[in-house]
PDB file of N, CA and C in Angstrom:
ATOM      1  N   MET A   1      14.796  71.911 102.214  1.00  0.00           N
ATOM      2  CA  MET A   1      15.717  72.864 102.806  1.00  0.00           C
ATOM      3  C   MET A   1      17.138  72.332 102.624  1.00  0.00           C
ATOM      4  N   PRO A   2      17.981  73.087 101.998  1.00  0.00           N
ATOM      5  CA  PRO A   2      19.341  72.604 101.750  1.00  0.00           C
ATOM      6  C   PRO A   2      20.232  72.584 102.985  1.00  0.00           C
ATOM      7  N   ASP A   3      19.857  73.310 104.024  1.00  0.00           N
ATOM      8  CA  ASP A   3      20.677  73.377 105.232  1.00  0.00           C
ATOM      9  C   ASP A   3      20.113  72.436 106.293  1.00  0.00           C
ATOM     10  N   GLY A   4      20.778  71.299 106.481  1.00  0.00           N
ATOM     11  CA  GLY A   4      20.316  70.314 107.456  1.00  0.00           C
ATOM     12  C   GLY A   4      20.288  70.850 108.870  1.00  0.00           C
ATOM     13  N   THR A   5      21.212  71.751 109.203  1.00  0.00           N
ATOM     14  CA  THR A   5      21.216  72.303 110.556  1.00  0.00           C
ATOM     15  C   THR A   5      19.970  73.142 110.810  1.00  0.00           C
ATOM     16  N   ALA A   6      19.454  73.784 109.776  1.00  0.00           N
ATOM     17  CA  ALA A   6      18.222  74.563 109.925  1.00  0.00           C
ATOM     18  C   ALA A   6      17.040  73.644 110.211  1.00  0.00           C
ATOM     19  N   VAL A   7      16.985  72.500 109.534  1.00  0.00           N
ATOM     20  CA  VAL A   7      15.907  71.531 109.778  1.00  0.00           C
ATOM     21  C   VAL A   7      16.005  71.003 111.208  1.00  0.00           C
ATOM     22  N   ALA A   8      17.211  70.647 111.629  1.00  0.00           N
ATOM     23  CA  ALA A   8      17.404  70.154 112.990  1.00  0.00           C
ATOM     24  C   ALA A   8      16.995  71.206 114.013  1.00  0.00           C
ATOM     25  N   ALA A   9      17.345  72.462 113.762  1.00  0.00           N
ATOM     26  CA  ALA A   9      16.979  73.541 114.678  1.00  0.00           C
ATOM     27  C   ALA A   9      15.465  73.715 114.744  1.00  0.00           C
ATOM     28  N   LEU A  10      14.794  73.605 113.611  1.00  0.00           N
ATOM     29  CA  LEU A  10      13.327  73.713 113.601  1.00  0.00           C
ATOM     30  C   LEU A  10      12.694  72.603 114.432  1.00  0.00           C
ATOM     31  N   LEU A  11      13.220  71.389 114.301  1.00  0.00           N
ATOM     32  CA  LEU A  11      12.685  70.280 115.091  1.00  0.00           C
ATOM     33  C   LEU A  11      12.912  70.524 116.579  1.00  0.00           C
ATOM     34  N   GLY A  12      14.100  70.994 116.932  1.00  0.00           N
ATOM     35  CA  GLY A  12      14.379  71.306 118.336  1.00  0.00           C
ATOM     36  C   GLY A  12      13.454  72.386 118.855  1.00  0.00           C
ATOM     37  N   ALA A  13      13.232  73.430 118.051  1.00  0.00           N
ATOM     38  CA  ALA A  13      12.347  74.525 118.451  1.00  0.00           C
ATOM     39  C   ALA A  13      10.899  74.063 118.568  1.00  0.00           C
ATOM     40  N   ALA A  14      10.551  73.010 117.845  1.00  0.00           N
ATOM     41  CA  ALA A  14       9.177  72.484 117.893  1.00  0.00           C
ATOM     42  C   ALA A  14       8.987  71.525 119.067  1.00  0.00           C
ATOM     43  N   GLY A  15      10.040  71.305 119.850  1.00  0.00           N
ATOM     44  CA  GLY A  15       9.907  70.478 121.042  1.00  0.00           C
ATOM     45  C   GLY A  15      10.409  69.054 120.902  1.00  0.00           C
ATOM     46  N   PHE A  16      10.960  68.707 119.748  1.00  0.00           N
ATOM     47  CA  PHE A  16      11.523  67.371 119.585  1.00  0.00           C
ATOM     48  C   PHE A  16      12.833  67.286 120.368  1.00  0.00           C
ATOM     49  N   THR A  17      13.147  66.092 120.850  1.00  0.00           N
ATOM     50  CA  THR A  17      14.377  65.887 121.597  1.00  0.00           C
ATOM     51  C   THR A  17      15.257  64.875 120.860  1.00  0.00           C
ATOM     52  N   SER A  18      16.459  64.720 121.344  1.00  0.00           N
ATOM     53  CA  SER A  18      17.413  63.779 120.752  1.00  0.00           C
ATOM     54  C   SER A  18      17.496  63.960 119.231  1.00  0.00           C
ATOM     55  N   VAL A  19      17.604  65.206 118.811  1.00  0.00           N
ATOM     56  CA  VAL A  19      17.672  65.521 117.380  1.00  0.00           C
ATOM     57  C   VAL A  19      19.066  65.146 116.870  1.00  0.00           C
ATOM     58  N   ALA A  20      19.105  64.269 115.887  1.00  0.00           N
ATOM     59  CA  ALA A  20      20.372  63.833 115.298  1.00  0.00           C
ATOM     60  C   ALA A  20      20.347  64.125 113.802  1.00  0.00           C
ATOM     61  N   LEU A  21      21.395  64.733 113.311  1.00  0.00           N
ATOM     62  CA  LEU A  21      21.506  65.113 111.913  1.00  0.00           C
ATOM     63  C   LEU A  21      22.634  64.318 111.265  1.00  0.00           C
ATOM     64  N   GLU A  22      22.335  63.723 110.123  1.00  0.00           N
ATOM     65  CA  GLU A  22      23.348  63.017 109.340  1.00  0.00           C
ATOM     66  C   GLU A  22      23.297  63.539 107.913  1.00  0.00           C
ATOM     67  N   ARG A  23      24.468  63.741 107.329  1.00  0.00           N
ATOM     68  CA  ARG A  23      24.547  64.144 105.925  1.00  0.00           C
ATOM     69  C   ARG A  23      25.061  62.944 105.138  1.00  0.00           C
ATOM     70  N   HIS A  24      24.359  62.603 104.081  1.00  0.00           N
ATOM     71  CA  HIS A  24      24.741  61.481 103.231  1.00  0.00           C
ATOM     72  C   HIS A  24      25.036  61.993 101.830  1.00  0.00           C
ATOM     73  N   THR A  25      26.134  61.518 101.253  1.00  0.00           N
ATOM     74  CA  THR A  25      26.476  61.881  99.879  1.00  0.00           C
ATOM     75  C   THR A  25      26.732  60.610  99.076  1.00  0.00           C
ATOM     76  N   LEU A  26      26.357  60.674  97.828  1.00  0.00           N
ATOM     77  CA  LEU A  26      26.582  59.567  96.896  1.00  0.00           C
ATOM     78  C   LEU A  26      27.083  60.142  95.578  1.00  0.00           C
ATOM     79  N   PRO A  27      27.914  59.385  94.872  1.00  0.00           N
ATOM     80  CA  PRO A  27      28.354  59.866  93.561  1.00  0.00           C
ATOM     81  C   PRO A  27      27.201  59.790  92.553  1.00  0.00           C
ATOM     82  N   VAL A  28      27.222  60.695  91.611  1.00  0.00           N
ATOM     83  CA  VAL A  28      26.262  60.666  90.513  1.00  0.00           C
ATOM     84  C   VAL A  28      27.047  60.908  89.228  1.00  0.00           C
ATOM     85  N   ILE A  29      26.811  60.048  88.255  1.00  0.00           N
ATOM     86  CA  ILE A  29      27.534  60.141  86.989  1.00  0.00           C
ATOM     87  C   ILE A  29      26.525  60.166  85.846  1.00  0.00           C
ATOM     88  N   PHE A  30      26.600  61.211  85.057  1.00  0.00           N
ATOM     89  CA  PHE A  30      25.779  61.324  83.857  1.00  0.00           C
ATOM     90  C   PHE A  30      26.673  60.922  82.692  1.00  0.00           C
ATOM     91  N   GLU A  31      26.624  59.644  82.337  1.00  0.00           N
ATOM     92  CA  GLU A  31      27.507  59.112  81.298  1.00  0.00           C
ATOM     93  C   GLU A  31      27.256  59.760  79.947  1.00  0.00           C
ATOM     94  N   GLY A  32      26.042  60.267  79.743  1.00  0.00           N
ATOM     95  CA  GLY A  32      25.709  60.943  78.491  1.00  0.00           C
ATOM     96  C   GLY A  32      26.123  62.399  78.475  1.00  0.00           C
ATOM     97  N   GLY A  33      26.863  62.815  79.488  1.00  0.00           N
ATOM     98  CA  GLY A  33      27.379  64.175  79.540  1.00  0.00           C
ATOM     99  C   GLY A  33      26.326  65.224  79.847  1.00  0.00           C
ATOM    100  N   PRO A  34      26.617  66.462  79.483  1.00  0.00           N
ATOM    101  CA  PRO A  34      25.701  67.562  79.773  1.00  0.00           C
ATOM    102  C   PRO A  34      24.295  67.367  79.187  1.00  0.00           C
ATOM    103  N   ASP A  35      24.186  66.707  78.039  1.00  0.00           N
ATOM    104  CA  ASP A  35      22.852  66.468  77.454  1.00  0.00           C
ATOM    105  C   ASP A  35      22.004  65.594  78.378  1.00  0.00           C
ATOM    106  N   GLN A  36      22.612  64.559  78.954  1.00  0.00           N
ATOM    107  CA  GLN A  36      21.865  63.697  79.876  1.00  0.00           C
ATOM    108  C   GLN A  36      21.519  64.469  81.141  1.00  0.00           C
ATOM    109  N   LEU A  37      22.457  65.263  81.636  1.00  0.00           N
ATOM    110  CA  LEU A  37      22.182  66.093  82.806  1.00  0.00           C
ATOM    111  C   LEU A  37      20.999  67.005  82.534  1.00  0.00           C
ATOM    112  N   MET A  38      20.984  67.608  81.368  1.00  0.00           N
ATOM    113  CA  MET A  38      19.898  68.513  81.012  1.00  0.00           C
ATOM    114  C   MET A  38      18.559  67.794  80.901  1.00  0.00           C
ATOM    115  N   SER A  39      18.577  66.517  80.549  1.00  0.00           N
ATOM    116  CA  SER A  39      17.321  65.770  80.438  1.00  0.00           C
ATOM    117  C   SER A  39      16.619  65.634  81.786  1.00  0.00           C
ATOM    118  N   THR A  40      17.360  65.793  82.880  1.00  0.00           N
ATOM    119  CA  THR A  40      16.735  65.698  84.203  1.00  0.00           C
ATOM    120  C   THR A  40      15.843  66.893  84.502  1.00  0.00           C
ATOM    121  N   PHE A  41      15.978  67.962  83.723  1.00  0.00           N
ATOM    122  CA  PHE A  41      15.129  69.132  83.928  1.00  0.00           C
ATOM    123  C   PHE A  41      13.658  68.788  83.723  1.00  0.00           C
ATOM    124  N   ALA A  42      13.372  67.746  82.962  1.00  0.00           N
ATOM    125  CA  ALA A  42      11.986  67.363  82.671  1.00  0.00           C
ATOM    126  C   ALA A  42      11.227  66.959  83.934  1.00  0.00           C
ATOM    127  N   VAL A  43      11.940  66.567  84.978  1.00  0.00           N
ATOM    128  CA  VAL A  43      11.278  66.159  86.218  1.00  0.00           C
ATOM    129  C   VAL A  43      11.667  67.078  87.377  1.00  0.00           C
ATOM    130  N   ALA A  44      12.211  68.238  87.048  1.00  0.00           N
ATOM    131  CA  ALA A  44      12.623  69.210  88.059  1.00  0.00           C
ATOM    132  C   ALA A  44      11.574  70.318  88.174  1.00  0.00           C
ATOM    133  N   ALA A  45      11.751  71.156  89.164  1.00  0.00           N
ATOM    134  CA  ALA A  45      10.816  72.265  89.377  1.00  0.00           C
ATOM    135  C   ALA A  45      10.775  73.221  88.188  1.00  0.00           C
ATOM    136  N   VAL A  46      11.813  73.222  87.371  1.00  0.00           N
ATOM    137  CA  VAL A  46      11.885  74.129  86.218  1.00  0.00           C
ATOM    138  C   VAL A  46      11.323  73.504  84.944  1.00  0.00           C
ATOM    139  N   ALA A  47      10.723  72.348  85.034  1.00  0.00           N
ATOM    140  CA  ALA A  47      10.266  71.608  83.848  1.00  0.00           C
ATOM    141  C   ALA A  47       9.372  72.451  82.939  1.00  0.00           C
ATOM    142  N   THR A  48       8.418  73.135  83.503  1.00  0.00           N
ATOM    143  CA  THR A  48       7.481  73.926  82.696  1.00  0.00           C
ATOM    144  C   THR A  48       8.198  75.052  81.963  1.00  0.00           C
ATOM    145  N   GLN A  49       9.105  75.725  82.672  1.00  0.00           N
ATOM    146  CA  GLN A  49       9.832  76.836  82.053  1.00  0.00           C
ATOM    147  C   GLN A  49      10.759  76.341  80.944  1.00  0.00           C
ATOM    148  N   VAL A  50      11.439  75.224  81.177  1.00  0.00           N
ATOM    149  CA  VAL A  50      12.343  74.687  80.153  1.00  0.00           C
ATOM    150  C   VAL A  50      11.542  74.232  78.935  1.00  0.00           C
ATOM    151  N   ALA A  51      10.424  73.572  79.159  1.00  0.00           N
ATOM    152  CA  ALA A  51       9.589  73.098  78.049  1.00  0.00           C
ATOM    153  C   ALA A  51       9.043  74.257  77.222  1.00  0.00           C
ATOM    154  N   ALA A  52       8.846  75.410  77.860  1.00  0.00           N
ATOM    155  CA  ALA A  52       8.285  76.562  77.162  1.00  0.00           C
ATOM    156  C   ALA A  52       9.329  77.344  76.369  1.00  0.00           C
ATOM    157  N   LEU A  53      10.599  77.012  76.528  1.00  0.00           N
ATOM    158  CA  LEU A  53      11.640  77.739  75.797  1.00  0.00           C
ATOM    159  C   LEU A  53      11.527  77.479  74.299  1.00  0.00           C
ATOM    160  N   PRO A  54      11.760  78.507  73.510  1.00  0.00           N
ATOM    161  CA  PRO A  54      11.833  78.295  72.059  1.00  0.00           C
ATOM    162  C   PRO A  54      13.135  77.546  71.748  1.00  0.00           C
ATOM    163  N   PRO A  55      13.261  76.985  70.546  1.00  0.00           N
ATOM    164  CA  PRO A  55      14.478  76.235  70.211  1.00  0.00           C
ATOM    165  C   PRO A  55      15.768  77.007  70.484  1.00  0.00           C
ATOM    166  N   ALA A  56      15.807  78.282  70.171  1.00  0.00           N
ATOM    167  CA  ALA A  56      17.018  79.074  70.411  1.00  0.00           C
ATOM    168  C   ALA A  56      17.320  79.165  71.903  1.00  0.00           C
ATOM    169  N   GLY A  57      16.277  79.270  72.710  1.00  0.00           N
ATOM    170  CA  GLY A  57      16.456  79.312  74.163  1.00  0.00           C
ATOM    171  C   GLY A  57      16.963  77.990  74.707  1.00  0.00           C
ATOM    172  N   ARG A  58      16.448  76.880  74.172  1.00  0.00           N
ATOM    173  CA  ARG A  58      16.936  75.559  74.601  1.00  0.00           C
ATOM    174  C   ARG A  58      18.396  75.373  74.203  1.00  0.00           C
ATOM    175  N   ASP A  59      18.754  75.857  73.021  1.00  0.00           N
ATOM    176  CA  ASP A  59      20.155  75.773  72.585  1.00  0.00           C
ATOM    177  C   ASP A  59      21.061  76.591  73.503  1.00  0.00           C
ATOM    178  N   GLU A  60      20.603  77.780  73.860  1.00  0.00           N
ATOM    179  CA  GLU A  60      21.381  78.635  74.761  1.00  0.00           C
ATOM    180  C   GLU A  60      21.523  77.980  76.136  1.00  0.00           C
ATOM    181  N   LEU A  61      20.436  77.387  76.619  1.00  0.00           N
ATOM    182  CA  LEU A  61      20.484  76.682  77.899  1.00  0.00           C
ATOM    183  C   LEU A  61      21.450  75.503  77.831  1.00  0.00           C
ATOM    184  N   ALA A  62      21.420  74.751  76.740  1.00  0.00           N
ATOM    185  CA  ALA A  62      22.328  73.608  76.576  1.00  0.00           C
ATOM    186  C   ALA A  62      23.786  74.060  76.605  1.00  0.00           C
ATOM    187  N   ARG A  63      24.078  75.184  75.964  1.00  0.00           N
ATOM    188  CA  ARG A  63      25.452  75.708  75.987  1.00  0.00           C
ATOM    189  C   ARG A  63      25.842  76.137  77.397  1.00  0.00           C
ATOM    190  N   ALA A  64      24.910  76.747  78.114  1.00  0.00           N
ATOM    191  CA  ALA A  64      25.197  77.186  79.485  1.00  0.00           C
ATOM    192  C   ALA A  64      25.415  75.996  80.407  1.00  0.00           C
ATOM    193  N   VAL A  65      24.614  74.942  80.243  1.00  0.00           N
ATOM    194  CA  VAL A  65      24.782  73.733  81.061  1.00  0.00           C
ATOM    195  C   VAL A  65      26.130  73.097  80.768  1.00  0.00           C
ATOM    196  N   ALA A  66      26.490  72.984  79.504  1.00  0.00           N
ATOM    197  CA  ALA A  66      27.778  72.400  79.127  1.00  0.00           C
ATOM    198  C   ALA A  66      28.932  73.213  79.706  1.00  0.00           C
ATOM    199  N   ALA A  67      28.827  74.531  79.659  1.00  0.00           N
ATOM    200  CA  ALA A  67      29.885  75.386  80.202  1.00  0.00           C
ATOM    201  C   ALA A  67      29.988  75.241  81.720  1.00  0.00           C
ATOM    202  N   ALA A  68      28.839  75.205  82.388  1.00  0.00           N
ATOM    203  CA  ALA A  68      28.843  75.074  83.847  1.00  0.00           C
ATOM    204  C   ALA A  68      29.354  73.703  84.284  1.00  0.00           C
ATOM    205  N   ALA A  69      29.072  72.679  83.487  1.00  0.00           N
ATOM    206  CA  ALA A  69      29.485  71.313  83.833  1.00  0.00           C
ATOM    207  C   ALA A  69      30.911  70.999  83.400  1.00  0.00           C
ATOM    208  N   ALA A  70      31.519  71.859  82.600  1.00  0.00           N
ATOM    209  CA  ALA A  70      32.862  71.583  82.072  1.00  0.00           C
ATOM    210  C   ALA A  70      33.881  71.207  83.151  1.00  0.00           C
ATOM    211  N   PRO A  71      33.910  71.903  84.296  1.00  0.00           N
ATOM    212  CA  PRO A  71      34.910  71.551  85.310  1.00  0.00           C
ATOM    213  C   PRO A  71      34.716  70.161  85.937  1.00  0.00           C
ATOM    214  N   ILE A  72      33.513  69.616  85.811  1.00  0.00           N
ATOM    215  CA  ILE A  72      33.260  68.291  86.404  1.00  0.00           C
ATOM    216  C   ILE A  72      32.952  67.243  85.331  1.00  0.00           C
ATOM    217  N   THR A  73      33.348  67.527  84.106  1.00  0.00           N
ATOM    218  CA  THR A  73      33.153  66.591  83.000  1.00  0.00           C
ATOM    219  C   THR A  73      34.467  65.876  82.731  1.00  0.00           C
ATOM    220  N   GLU A  74      34.402  64.541  82.785  1.00  0.00           N
ATOM    221  CA  GLU A  74      35.578  63.698  82.571  1.00  0.00           C
ATOM    222  C   GLU A  74      35.255  62.677  81.493  1.00  0.00           C
ATOM    223  N   ALA A  75      36.023  62.680  80.415  1.00  0.00           N
ATOM    224  CA  ALA A  75      35.832  61.741  79.303  1.00  0.00           C
ATOM    225  C   ALA A  75      34.381  61.753  78.803  1.00  0.00           C
ATOM    226  N   GLY A  76      33.792  62.947  78.762  1.00  0.00           N
ATOM    227  CA  GLY A  76      32.437  63.102  78.262  1.00  0.00           C
ATOM    228  C   GLY A  76      31.343  62.909  79.282  1.00  0.00           C
ATOM    229  N   ALA A  77      31.663  62.381  80.470  1.00  0.00           N
ATOM    230  CA  ALA A  77      30.663  62.145  81.516  1.00  0.00           C
ATOM    231  C   ALA A  77      30.729  63.249  82.568  1.00  0.00           C
ATOM    232  N   VAL A  78      29.574  63.679  83.034  1.00  0.00           N
ATOM    233  CA  VAL A  78      29.514  64.647  84.126  1.00  0.00           C
ATOM    234  C   VAL A  78      29.552  63.846  85.425  1.00  0.00           C
ATOM    235  N   VAL A  79      30.543  64.152  86.269  1.00  0.00           N
ATOM    236  CA  VAL A  79      30.767  63.399  87.503  1.00  0.00           C
ATOM    237  C   VAL A  79      30.636  64.355  88.683  1.00  0.00           C
ATOM    238  N   SER A  80      29.719  64.043  89.585  1.00  0.00           N
ATOM    239  CA  SER A  80      29.486  64.911  90.730  1.00  0.00           C
ATOM    240  C   SER A  80      29.014  64.072  91.910  1.00  0.00           C
ATOM    241  N   THR A  81      28.435  64.732  92.893  1.00  0.00           N
ATOM    242  CA  THR A  81      27.843  64.031  94.035  1.00  0.00           C
ATOM    243  C   THR A  81      26.462  64.611  94.312  1.00  0.00           C
ATOM    244  N   MET A  82      25.626  63.795  94.943  1.00  0.00           N
ATOM    245  CA  MET A  82      24.321  64.248  95.441  1.00  0.00           C
ATOM    246  C   MET A  82      24.396  64.149  96.956  1.00  0.00           C
ATOM    247  N   ALA A  83      23.720  65.054  97.622  1.00  0.00           N
ATOM    248  CA  ALA A  83      23.742  65.032  99.087  1.00  0.00           C
ATOM    249  C   ALA A  83      22.333  65.214  99.617  1.00  0.00           C
ATOM    250  N   THR A  84      22.099  64.636 100.784  1.00  0.00           N
ATOM    251  CA  THR A  84      20.842  64.830 101.479  1.00  0.00           C
ATOM    252  C   THR A  84      21.116  64.799 102.972  1.00  0.00           C
ATOM    253  N   HIS A  85      20.208  65.353 103.716  1.00  0.00           N
ATOM    254  CA  HIS A  85      20.313  65.333 105.168  1.00  0.00           C
ATOM    255  C   HIS A  85      19.199  64.460 105.729  1.00  0.00           C
ATOM    256  N   LEU A  86      19.551  63.672 106.701  1.00  0.00           N
ATOM    257  CA  LEU A  86      18.581  62.833 107.401  1.00  0.00           C
ATOM    258  C   LEU A  86      18.548  63.313 108.838  1.00  0.00           C
ATOM    259  N   VAL A  87      17.366  63.707 109.293  1.00  0.00           N
ATOM    260  CA  VAL A  87      17.213  64.187 110.668  1.00  0.00           C
ATOM    261  C   VAL A  87      16.260  63.228 111.368  1.00  0.00           C
ATOM    262  N   VAL A  88      16.733  62.698 112.502  1.00  0.00           N
ATOM    263  CA  VAL A  88      15.926  61.790 113.306  1.00  0.00           C
ATOM    264  C   VAL A  88      15.760  62.434 114.673  1.00  0.00           C
ATOM    265  N   ALA A  89      14.529  62.405 115.197  1.00  0.00           N
ATOM    266  CA  ALA A  89      14.259  63.033 116.493  1.00  0.00           C
ATOM    267  C   ALA A  89      13.177  62.266 117.223  1.00  0.00           C
ATOM    268  N   THR A  90      13.082  62.543 118.508  1.00  0.00           N
ATOM    269  CA  THR A  90      12.069  61.911 119.352  1.00  0.00           C
ATOM    270  C   THR A  90      10.992  62.928 119.667  1.00  0.00           C
ATOM    271  N   ALA A  91       9.751  62.525 119.530  1.00  0.00           N
ATOM    272  CA  ALA A  91       8.636  63.436 119.818  1.00  0.00           C
ATOM    273  C   ALA A  91       8.362  63.462 121.306  1.00  0.00           C
TER     274      ALA A  91
END
């Protein structure tokens, strides 16, 4: 669930107490640029669909990834952040 507050609310609704939510972010740098970023699709939920693309489809996807990553590409590297939520509660 991308919304940490929703997870915290679910825990509260389930009867947990002292629900504490923390958001953590870390930098992520794909030094190989958009091609390296695209290689992560092999272990993502879309892996099967990407693998099934014909060569022309993979080329089109690569162009779309490069275009989408252009605003966060610096000196050939894609620079962004990853975030996660940590929810701790008492049963």
